[in-house]
C-alpha atoms as a PDB file:
ATOM      1  CA  MET A   1      56.068  -4.380 -74.354  1.00  0.00           C
ATOM      2  CA  ASN A   2      57.897  -1.456 -72.877  1.00  0.00           C
ATOM      3  CA  GLN A   3      58.280  -2.248 -69.218  1.00  0.00           C
ATOM      4  CA  GLU A   4      59.098   0.688 -67.172  1.00  0.00           C
ATOM      5  CA  PRO A   5      62.455   0.613 -65.000  1.00  0.00           C
ATOM      6  CA  LYS A   6      62.193   0.296 -61.464  1.00  0.00           C
ATOM      7  CA  ILE A   7      62.344   3.346 -59.166  1.00  0.00           C
ATOM      8  CA  ALA A   8      65.679   2.711 -57.020  1.00  0.00           C
ATOM      9  CA  GLY A   9      66.215   5.754 -55.741  1.00  0.00           C
ATOM     10  CA  LYS A  10      64.928   9.457 -55.731  1.00  0.00           C
ATOM     11  CA  ALA A  11      68.603  11.285 -55.181  1.00  0.00           C
ATOM     12  CA  PRO A  12      71.679  10.709 -57.589  1.00  0.00           C
ATOM     13  CA  ILE A  13      74.822   8.918 -56.280  1.00  0.00           C
ATOM     14  CA  PRO A  14      78.016  10.476 -56.569  1.00  0.00           C
ATOM     15  CA  VAL A  15      80.620   8.114 -58.762  1.00  0.00           C
ATOM     16  CA  GLU A  16      84.484   8.838 -58.730  1.00  0.00           C
ATOM     17  CA  LEU A  17      84.571   8.485 -62.443  1.00  0.00           C
ATOM     18  CA  GLU A  18      88.614   7.484 -63.713  1.00  0.00           C
ATOM     19  CA  ALA A  19      89.440   8.030 -67.200  1.00  0.00           C
ATOM     20  CA  GLY A  20      89.358   5.574 -69.556  1.00  0.00           C
ATOM     21  CA  LYS A  21      87.526   3.099 -67.291  1.00  0.00           C
ATOM     22  CA  ARG A  22      84.345   1.117 -68.676  1.00  0.00           C
ATOM     23  CA  TYR A  23      81.410   1.560 -66.346  1.00  0.00           C
ATOM     24  CA  ALA A  24      77.795  -0.180 -66.717  1.00  0.00           C
ATOM     25  CA  TRP A  25      75.287   1.910 -65.556  1.00  0.00           C
ATOM     26  CA  CYS A  26      71.923   0.245 -64.146  1.00  0.00           C
ATOM     27  CA  THR A  27      68.961   1.038 -66.256  1.00  0.00           C
ATOM     28  CA  CYS A  28      66.063  -1.510 -65.114  1.00  0.00           C
ATOM     29  CA  GLY A  29      66.315  -0.295 -61.908  1.00  0.00           C
ATOM     30  CA  GLU A  30      66.857  -3.844 -59.881  1.00  0.00           C
ATOM     31  CA  SER A  31      70.458  -3.661 -59.449  1.00  0.00           C
ATOM     32  CA  SER A  32      71.528  -4.295 -55.959  1.00  0.00           C
ATOM     33  CA  LYS A  33      75.102  -2.251 -56.902  1.00  0.00           C
ATOM     34  CA  GLN A  34      72.985   1.438 -57.724  1.00  0.00           C
ATOM     35  CA  PRO A  35      73.561   3.173 -59.566  1.00  0.00           C
ATOM     36  CA  LEU A  36      76.262   0.456 -61.536  1.00  0.00           C
ATOM     37  CA  CYS A  37      74.735  -2.709 -62.915  1.00  0.00           C
ATOM     38  CA  ASP A  38      75.333  -5.878 -60.953  1.00  0.00           C
ATOM     39  CA  GLY A  39      73.405  -8.408 -64.258  1.00  0.00           C
ATOM     40  CA  SER A  40      69.850  -8.404 -62.368  1.00  0.00           C
ATOM     41  CA  HIS A  41      68.516  -6.976 -66.322  1.00  0.00           C
ATOM     42  CA  LYS A  42      68.843 -10.850 -67.149  1.00  0.00           C
ATOM     43  CA  GLY A  43      65.678 -12.081 -68.741  1.00  0.00           C
ATOM     44  CA  THR A  44      64.531  -8.682 -68.784  1.00  0.00           C
ATOM     45  CA  GLU A  45      64.346  -6.302 -72.100  1.00  0.00           C
ATOM     46  CA  PHE A  46      66.875  -3.855 -70.414  1.00  0.00           C
ATOM     47  CA  ASN A  47      70.709  -3.610 -70.735  1.00  0.00           C
ATOM     48  CA  PRO A  48      72.943  -1.668 -69.191  1.00  0.00           C
ATOM     49  CA  HIS A  49      74.052   1.866 -70.722  1.00  0.00           C
ATOM     50  CA  ILE A  50      77.803   0.905 -71.203  1.00  0.00           C
ATOM     51  CA  PHE A  51      80.400   3.916 -71.349  1.00  0.00           C
ATOM     52  CA  VAL A  52      83.802   4.744 -70.891  1.00  0.00           C
ATOM     53  CA  ALA A  53      84.734   7.911 -68.802  1.00  0.00           C
ATOM     54  CA  GLU A  54      86.411  10.512 -70.815  1.00  0.00           C
ATOM     55  CA  GLU A  55      88.173  12.373 -67.782  1.00  0.00           C
ATOM     56  CA  ASN A  56      88.515  11.742 -64.004  1.00  0.00           C
ATOM     57  CA  LYS A  57      85.532  13.357 -62.194  1.00  0.00           C
ATOM     58  CA  THR A  58      82.305  13.241 -59.739  1.00  0.00           C
ATOM     59  CA  CYS A  59      79.370  11.901 -61.156  1.00  0.00           C
ATOM     60  CA  TYR A  60      75.819  12.354 -59.714  1.00  0.00           C
ATOM     61  CA  MET A  61      74.584   9.303 -61.047  1.00  0.00           C
ATOM     62  CA  CYS A  62      70.445   8.413 -61.661  1.00  0.00           C
ATOM     63  CA  THR A  63      68.802   6.021 -59.310  1.00  0.00           C
ATOM     64  CA  CYS A  64      65.041   6.823 -60.259  1.00  0.00           C
ATOM     65  CA  LYS A  65      66.052   5.936 -63.990  1.00  0.00           C
ATOM     66  CA  ARG A  66      64.281   8.593 -65.710  1.00  0.00           C
ATOM     67  CA  THR A  67      66.788  10.738 -66.976  1.00  0.00           C
ATOM     68  CA  ASN A  68      67.479  12.059 -70.179  1.00  0.00           C
ATOM     69  CA  ASN A  69      70.907  12.966 -69.934  1.00  0.00           C
ATOM     70  CA  ASP A  70      72.482   9.630 -70.839  1.00  0.00           C
ATOM     71  CA  TYR A  71      73.456   8.532 -66.738  1.00  0.00           C
ATOM     72  CA  ALA A  72      73.780  11.597 -65.243  1.00  0.00           C
ATOM     73  CA  CYS A  73      70.456  12.716 -62.988  1.00  0.00           C
ATOM     74  CA  ASP A  74      69.292  15.765 -64.248  1.00  0.00           C
ATOM     75  CA  GLY A  75      66.453  16.289 -61.628  1.00  0.00           C
ATOM     76  CA  SER A  76      64.136  13.931 -63.186  1.00  0.00           C
ATOM     77  CA  HIS A  77      63.288  12.329 -59.473  1.00  0.00           C
ATOM     78  CA  LYS A  78      62.182  16.013 -58.602  1.00  0.00           C
ATOM     79  CA  ALA A  79      58.540  14.943 -60.266  1.00  0.00           C
ATOM     80  CA  LEU A  80      58.209  11.735 -58.994  1.00  0.00           C
END
């Protein structure tokens, strides 16, 4: 059963990434700490997308959960 993630928003959220720091991007859309995971996926088929930032930079993270660019916004929200 493939559930669709909840659309948490229709615009990306800028996040200041720190090189070497581990992040957990929410994939279910239920987190109250969008765009990052707060554990709300527990009991569902979703798991956060875990990654380590390669450099210090501002990343515009997807909140619609439809991106095809890992966790970064690719404009998919414009079609919703």
